[in-house]
Protein backbone atom coordinates (compact mmCIF):
# COMPACT_ATOMS: atom_id res chain seq x y z
CA UNK A 1 -0.25 -0.13 -0.02
CA UNK A 2 1.54 3.31 -0.71
CA UNK A 3 1.93 6.04 1.53
CA UNK A 4 -0.41 9.04 1.64
CA UNK A 5 1.33 11.80 0.30
CA UNK A 6 1.37 15.29 2.25
CA UNK A 7 2.54 18.40 1.08
CA UNK A 8 4.55 21.14 2.27
CA UNK A 9 1.56 23.17 3.25
CA UNK A 10 0.03 20.33 4.94
CA UNK A 11 3.02 19.53 6.93
CA UNK A 12 2.86 23.31 7.76
CA UNK A 13 -0.82 23.41 9.24
CA UNK A 14 0.05 20.19 10.77
CA UNK A 15 3.23 21.58 12.71
CA UNK A 16 1.88 25.27 13.28
CA UNK A 17 -1.46 23.36 14.93
CA UNK A 18 0.73 21.09 17.36
CA UNK A 19 3.26 24.06 17.95
CA UNK A 20 -0.07 26.07 19.30
CA UNK A 21 0.52 28.78 16.17
CA UNK A 22 -2.77 28.68 14.64
CA UNK A 23 -4.24 30.01 17.47
CA UNK A 24 -3.67 31.28 20.75
CA UNK A 25 -5.23 28.57 23.27
CA UNK A 26 -5.91 28.84 27.22
CA UNK A 27 -3.71 26.71 28.34
CA UNK A 28 -1.04 27.28 31.38
CA UNK A 29 2.12 28.05 30.70
CA UNK A 30 3.68 24.69 32.43
CA UNK A 31 1.01 22.53 30.39
CA UNK A 32 1.87 24.20 27.10
CA UNK A 33 5.65 23.77 28.08
CA UNK A 34 5.31 20.20 28.83
CA UNK A 35 3.34 19.88 25.29
CA UNK A 36 6.00 21.50 23.32
CA UNK A 37 8.68 19.12 24.83
CA UNK A 38 10.42 22.17 26.67
CA UNK A 39 11.45 25.70 24.75
CA UNK A 40 14.53 26.74 23.32
CA UNK A 41 16.05 29.26 25.87
CA UNK A 42 19.82 30.24 25.29
CA UNK A 43 18.32 33.35 25.23
CA UNK A 44 16.21 34.50 28.25
CA UNK A 45 14.01 36.82 26.70
CA UNK A 46 12.59 33.71 24.01
CA UNK A 47 10.58 31.53 25.77
CA UNK A 48 8.22 34.34 26.95
CA UNK A 49 8.20 35.83 23.14
CA UNK A 50 7.39 31.93 22.11
CA UNK A 51 4.41 31.35 24.88
CA UNK A 52 3.05 34.79 24.05
CA UNK A 53 2.48 34.50 20.57
CA UNK A 54 1.02 30.96 21.64
CA UNK A 55 -0.87 31.36 24.86
CA UNK A 56 -4.24 33.03 25.76
CA UNK A 57 -3.87 35.88 28.43
CA UNK A 58 -0.34 34.43 28.86
CA UNK A 59 1.11 35.58 32.23
CA UNK A 60 5.25 35.96 32.05
CA UNK A 61 4.96 35.76 35.57
CA UNK A 62 4.17 32.41 36.06
CA UNK A 63 7.09 31.57 34.14
CA UNK A 64 9.17 33.12 36.95
CA UNK A 65 7.41 31.85 39.61
CA UNK A 66 7.59 28.29 37.90
CA UNK A 67 11.84 29.22 38.06
CA UNK A 68 11.55 30.65 41.37
CA UNK A 69 9.84 27.38 43.02
CA UNK A 70 11.84 24.93 40.72
CA UNK A 71 8.86 23.10 39.04
CA UNK A 72 10.55 25.12 36.16
CA UNK A 73 14.29 24.63 35.00
CA UNK A 74 16.70 25.78 32.48
CA UNK A 75 19.15 23.40 31.31
CA UNK A 76 21.27 21.48 28.59
CA UNK A 77 19.01 19.00 26.70
CA UNK A 78 18.16 18.53 23.27
CA UNK A 79 20.92 19.66 21.14
CA UNK A 80 23.26 20.33 23.76
CA UNK A 81 21.39 23.39 23.69
CA UNK A 82 19.50 25.40 27.04
CA UNK A 83 15.91 24.69 27.39
CA UNK A 84 12.99 26.18 29.72
CA UNK A 85 11.15 22.66 30.82
CA UNK A 86 9.37 21.23 33.59
CA UNK A 87 11.43 19.65 36.45
CA UNK A 88 9.71 16.70 35.58
CA UNK A 89 11.05 16.62 31.86
CA UNK A 90 14.28 17.34 33.02
CA UNK A 91 14.91 14.48 35.09
CA UNK A 92 13.73 12.02 32.27
CA UNK A 93 15.36 14.46 29.27
CA UNK A 94 18.73 15.50 30.71
CA UNK A 95 19.78 11.68 30.89
CA UNK A 96 18.66 10.58 27.46
CA UNK A 97 21.03 13.30 25.83
CA UNK A 98 24.26 12.47 27.86
CA UNK A 99 25.32 11.08 24.59
CA UNK A 100 25.14 14.29 22.61
CA UNK A 101 26.89 16.03 25.31
CA UNK A 102 29.79 13.45 25.69
CA UNK A 103 30.14 13.99 22.09
CA UNK A 104 30.54 17.50 22.78
CA UNK A 105 33.53 17.01 24.89
CA UNK A 106 35.21 14.66 22.62
CA UNK A 107 34.74 17.46 19.65
CA UNK A 108 35.36 20.67 21.73
CA UNK A 109 38.29 22.50 19.73
CA UNK A 110 39.84 24.27 22.77
CA UNK A 111 39.43 21.46 25.27
CA UNK A 112 39.03 18.04 23.67
CA UNK A 113 42.76 17.19 24.00
CA UNK A 114 42.64 17.85 27.34
CA UNK A 115 39.64 16.26 28.80
CA UNK A 116 40.89 12.84 26.15
CA UNK A 117 43.59 12.70 28.88
CA UNK A 118 41.75 11.98 31.72
CA UNK A 119 39.51 9.63 33.43
CA UNK A 120 37.02 11.91 34.19
CA UNK A 121 34.53 9.54 36.35
CA UNK A 122 36.55 9.41 39.24
CA UNK A 123 37.32 13.63 39.04
CA UNK A 124 33.22 14.00 38.17
CA UNK A 125 32.62 12.05 41.50
CA UNK A 126 34.82 14.04 43.51
CA UNK A 127 33.80 17.54 42.16
CA UNK A 128 29.91 16.29 42.39
CA UNK A 129 29.27 16.71 46.05
CA UNK A 130 31.82 19.94 45.99
CA UNK A 131 29.56 21.79 43.06
CA UNK A 132 26.22 20.44 44.89
CA UNK A 133 26.36 22.69 48.09
CA UNK A 134 25.32 26.40 46.48
CA UNK A 135 24.96 27.68 42.97
CA UNK A 136 28.33 29.44 41.18
CA UNK A 137 29.24 31.07 38.47
CA UNK A 138 31.81 30.27 36.10
CA UNK A 139 34.65 32.18 37.97
CA UNK A 140 33.19 30.67 41.19
CA UNK A 141 33.39 27.23 39.53
CA UNK A 142 36.81 27.78 37.79
CA UNK A 143 38.20 28.76 41.39
CA UNK A 144 36.91 25.49 43.22
CA UNK A 145 38.67 22.80 40.56
CA UNK A 146 41.48 24.81 40.51
CA UNK A 147 41.82 24.75 44.26
CA UNK A 148 40.83 20.83 43.82
CA UNK A 149 42.71 19.91 40.96
CA UNK A 150 45.70 22.35 41.10
CA UNK A 151 47.68 20.52 38.29
CA UNK A 152 44.64 20.14 35.97
CA UNK A 153 43.04 22.89 33.24
CA UNK A 154 40.07 24.35 34.99
CA UNK A 155 38.63 25.57 32.53
CA UNK A 156 38.61 22.84 30.80
CA UNK A 157 36.79 20.86 33.31
CA UNK A 158 34.30 23.35 34.51
CA UNK A 159 33.06 22.63 30.80
CA UNK A 160 32.99 18.84 31.50
CA UNK A 161 31.26 19.69 34.61
CA UNK A 162 28.43 21.40 32.33
CA UNK A 163 28.49 18.57 30.14
CA UNK A 164 28.54 15.67 32.76
CA UNK A 165 27.35 17.16 36.29
CA UNK A 166 23.42 17.89 34.90
CA UNK A 167 23.89 21.35 35.92
CA UNK A 168 20.83 23.91 35.83
CA UNK A 169 20.97 27.55 35.63
CA UNK A 170 19.22 28.63 38.61
CA UNK A 171 17.64 32.41 39.07
CA UNK A 172 17.72 35.44 38.74
CA UNK A 173 18.53 34.17 35.41
CA UNK A 174 15.86 33.73 33.09
CA UNK A 175 13.24 35.56 35.20
CA UNK A 176 10.90 38.22 33.29
CA UNK A 177 12.68 41.20 32.66
CA UNK A 178 15.40 40.87 35.25
CA UNK A 179 17.49 38.05 34.13
CA UNK A 180 20.81 37.90 35.52
CA UNK A 181 23.99 36.28 35.04
CA UNK A 182 24.61 32.72 34.64
CA UNK A 183 24.85 30.55 38.23
CA UNK A 184 24.83 27.15 38.24
CA UNK A 185 24.12 23.65 40.20
CA UNK A 186 23.61 20.03 39.58
CA UNK A 187 19.70 19.26 38.77
CA UNK A 188 19.45 16.59 41.59
CA UNK A 189 20.77 19.16 44.25
CA UNK A 190 18.42 21.80 42.76
CA UNK A 191 15.03 19.70 42.52
CA UNK A 192 16.28 17.12 45.62
CA UNK A 193 15.58 14.29 43.43
CA UNK A 194 17.75 12.05 40.70
CA UNK A 195 17.58 12.05 37.46
CA UNK A 196 15.61 8.87 35.73
CA UNK A 197 17.78 6.00 35.71
CA UNK A 198 15.83 4.36 33.13
CA UNK A 199 14.26 6.90 30.96
CA UNK A 200 12.15 5.95 27.90
CA UNK A 201 13.36 7.58 24.46
CA UNK A 202 10.50 5.73 23.03
CA UNK A 203 8.14 8.18 25.20
CA UNK A 204 10.06 11.22 24.11
CA UNK A 205 10.06 10.09 20.85
CA UNK A 206 6.36 10.01 20.53
CA UNK A 207 5.91 13.06 22.48
CA UNK A 208 7.93 14.75 19.67
CA UNK A 209 6.22 13.43 16.75
CA UNK A 210 2.99 15.01 19.16
CA UNK A 211 4.52 18.04 19.16
CA UNK A 212 6.45 18.89 15.55
CA UNK A 213 5.10 15.59 13.23
CA UNK A 214 4.92 14.63 10.54
CA UNK A 215 8.47 13.80 10.48
CA UNK A 216 11.29 11.64 9.46
CA UNK A 217 14.00 9.99 10.72
CA UNK A 218 16.50 12.59 10.27
CA UNK A 219 13.89 14.97 11.69
CA UNK A 220 13.81 13.51 15.11
CA UNK A 221 17.31 13.26 14.81
CA UNK A 222 17.84 16.64 14.27
CA UNK A 223 15.73 17.92 16.82
CA UNK A 224 17.44 15.41 19.54
CA UNK A 225 20.68 15.59 18.55
CA UNK A 226 20.25 11.65 19.17
CA UNK A 227 21.57 8.91 16.99
CA UNK A 228 19.88 5.78 16.66
CA UNK A 229 16.53 7.39 15.73
CA UNK A 230 15.54 4.52 12.89
CA UNK A 231 15.91 2.04 15.38
CA UNK A 232 13.46 3.76 17.67
CA UNK A 233 11.05 4.24 15.21
CA UNK A 234 11.25 0.96 13.45
CA UNK A 235 10.40 -0.47 17.34
CA UNK A 236 7.25 2.26 17.17
CA UNK A 237 6.01 1.45 13.91
CA UNK A 238 2.87 -0.54 14.50
CA UNK A 239 1.96 2.32 16.73
CA UNK A 240 2.76 5.01 14.05
CA UNK A 241 1.05 6.11 10.42
CA UNK A 242 3.29 6.35 7.62
CA UNK A 243 3.38 9.12 5.20
CA UNK A 244 5.50 10.53 2.05
CA UNK A 245 6.30 14.02 1.61
CA UNK A 246 5.98 15.97 -1.74
CA UNK A 247 10.04 14.75 -2.30
CA UNK A 248 9.51 11.02 -1.59
CA UNK A 249 10.76 11.34 2.00
CA UNK A 250 9.35 8.75 4.67
CA UNK A 251 7.27 10.38 7.00
CA UNK A 252 6.31 9.14 10.47
CA UNK A 253 2.70 10.66 12.92
CA UNK A 254 0.62 9.64 15.35
CA UNK A 255 -2.45 7.86 14.00
CA UNK A 256 -4.77 10.32 15.46
CA UNK A 257 -2.62 13.56 15.63
CA UNK A 258 -4.19 16.86 14.17
CA UNK A 259 -3.41 17.18 10.12
CA UNK A 260 -5.63 20.42 9.04
CA UNK A 261 -6.65 21.00 5.78
CA UNK A 262 -3.76 23.03 4.24
CA UNK A 263 -6.17 26.06 3.74
CA UNK A 264 -6.63 26.66 6.69
CA UNK A 265 -5.65 30.60 7.49
CA UNK A 266 -2.52 30.59 9.52
CA UNK A 267 -2.67 34.27 11.31
CA UNK A 268 0.77 36.38 11.72
CA UNK A 269 3.16 35.04 14.23
CA UNK A 270 6.50 36.53 15.73
CA UNK A 271 8.86 33.94 17.06
CA UNK A 272 12.08 34.73 19.50
CA UNK A 273 15.51 34.59 17.99
CA UNK A 274 15.22 30.30 18.57
CA UNK A 275 12.07 28.94 18.42
CA UNK A 276 12.01 25.11 18.32
CA UNK A 277 9.19 25.15 15.97
CA UNK A 278 11.71 26.32 13.48
CA UNK A 279 14.55 24.19 14.63
CA UNK A 280 13.22 20.59 15.12
CA UNK A 281 13.60 19.39 11.47
CA UNK A 282 16.43 18.44 9.13
CA UNK A 283 14.23 19.53 6.01
CA UNK A 284 12.46 22.82 6.93
CA UNK A 285 10.69 23.19 3.70
CA UNK A 286 7.35 23.31 5.33
CA UNK A 287 8.44 26.65 6.69
CA UNK A 288 9.75 27.88 3.57
CA UNK A 289 12.90 28.73 5.61
CA UNK A 290 16.54 28.00 4.61
CA UNK A 291 18.83 29.28 7.78
CA UNK A 292 18.13 32.14 10.08
CA UNK A 293 21.73 32.69 10.30
CA UNK A 294 22.37 33.52 6.75
CA UNK A 295 20.24 36.63 7.68
CA UNK A 296 22.19 40.27 8.37
CA UNK A 297 22.02 40.76 11.78
CA UNK A 298 20.32 42.50 13.92
CA UNK A 299 18.12 39.49 14.10
CA UNK A 300 16.29 39.01 17.24
CA UNK A 301 13.18 36.71 15.77
CA UNK A 302 11.60 36.12 12.69
CA UNK A 303 7.72 36.37 11.32
CA UNK A 304 5.54 33.82 10.09
CA UNK A 305 3.24 35.51 7.13
CA UNK A 306 0.41 32.63 6.21
CA UNK A 307 2.80 29.84 8.30
CA UNK A 308 6.06 30.57 6.73
CA UNK A 309 8.88 32.58 7.50
CA UNK A 310 8.71 35.82 5.64
CA UNK A 311 10.25 38.73 7.57
CA UNK A 312 13.05 38.84 10.80
CA UNK A 313 12.76 41.34 13.20
CA UNK A 314 14.31 43.27 16.50
CA UNK A 315 13.44 46.33 18.73
CA UNK A 316 15.62 49.70 18.75
CA UNK A 317 14.80 51.50 22.31
CA UNK A 318 15.39 55.02 22.59
CA UNK A 319 14.61 57.04 25.47
CA UNK A 320 11.14 56.30 26.20
CA UNK A 321 10.55 55.19 23.26
CA UNK A 322 10.50 51.64 21.14
CA UNK A 323 10.58 51.16 17.16
CA UNK A 324 10.02 47.23 16.38
CA UNK A 325 12.00 46.96 13.13
CA UNK A 326 10.78 44.31 10.94
CA UNK A 327 12.61 43.14 7.71
CA UNK A 328 10.64 41.54 5.23
CA UNK A 329 12.58 38.78 3.24
CA UNK A 330 10.71 39.41 -0.26
CA UNK A 331 7.45 41.47 -0.80
CA UNK A 332 4.37 41.52 0.89
CA UNK A 333 0.68 42.31 0.31
CA UNK A 334 -0.44 45.49 1.99
CA UNK A 335 -3.10 43.34 3.95
CA UNK A 336 0.08 41.00 4.96
CA UNK A 337 2.28 44.18 5.98
CA UNK A 338 -0.88 45.50 7.62
CA UNK A 339 -1.52 42.51 9.74
CA UNK A 340 2.20 42.32 10.56
CA UNK A 341 1.89 45.95 12.11
CA UNK A 342 -0.66 45.03 14.08
CA UNK A 343 0.96 42.08 15.82
CA UNK A 344 4.22 43.67 16.24
CA UNK A 345 2.39 46.59 18.08
CA UNK A 346 0.88 43.55 20.42
CA UNK A 347 3.89 42.11 20.89
CA UNK A 348 5.80 45.82 21.84
CA UNK A 349 2.22 45.94 24.36
CA UNK A 350 3.89 42.70 25.70
CA UNK A 351 7.89 43.41 25.74
CA UNK A 352 7.92 47.35 26.52
CA UNK A 353 4.38 48.17 27.91
CA UNK A 354 6.21 51.42 29.61
CA UNK A 355 7.48 52.73 26.00
CA UNK A 356 5.87 54.47 23.35
CA UNK A 357 5.99 51.84 20.28
CA UNK A 358 5.86 52.12 16.92
CA UNK A 359 6.68 49.31 13.91
CA UNK A 360 8.42 49.74 10.64
CA UNK A 361 7.86 47.61 8.15
CA UNK A 362 11.09 47.41 5.77
CA UNK A 363 11.11 45.81 2.74
CA UNK A 364 14.03 45.34 0.43
CA UNK A 365 14.47 47.21 -2.80
């Protein structure tokens, strides 16, 4: 039996629906973060903009409160990048991505040689209780390591701690409009409970498909950073439905997951600089995006018009005024420009409520 073919536009609408980008939904932030399997968060404001674009009546202080009461955490998980995840997900996701972080240690251009010469297991075993008593800045961590192992490279070992000791960034880092510098402590010490000893990669891949599918093996790998996804999807095959993309790629999805009509309207949405909706597929054709990093800076985010990337944005603050500069990646209709301007003004009321705001939509000649 030939698998049904899904057009790029059909894949776009399916992913937008699951990413809560076809309409704002009345979910609590914790529930949305769980549903999306975390939010990219290396830039502290990014999760707040991501949730504002997705949630009805979003209160950013609810996220700050979650960081402070430790029901939410900021830490390295998928792809070796900082994410905002629930505490319950942190203890599951963090051990699953350990192979990704081991690979980073082996490839790091500056530290790989120093670390390859060491037996890290006993060193990390010595350091874990020492770094678990209080959060430390990078400078403080390196000083502690230098005191404990004066003959070793403290900078390299501090990087090894990041990748081997389940380090979490603690508040005020990541709080709404009052973030601070990074201080870290091992996740078990912060939460008062250990990471999972036998987390299920199968369960996590099913959750990925629910949030990002339909997807290929390469897509799951791109999202997680992990190899071996072919074996996982083969193991799950009797619980999944196969499809094909326009280009003939094999795709997998949950049988009952939403796949809206490709002609369903998609509203203008402002996404942050790093948003998992755009970063979680090897093939990004569904968003007609060829790579944010090729766009000339400054860029603080992207703009979806009719569901695909059509512009980038950044704010310019001067005294009590903020201008949201939107640079389109091609011509837009006047109607689309008006909608971009209206959504941009709403964004400014969220991000800069104490400033007078205006939106400039600039189109290249």
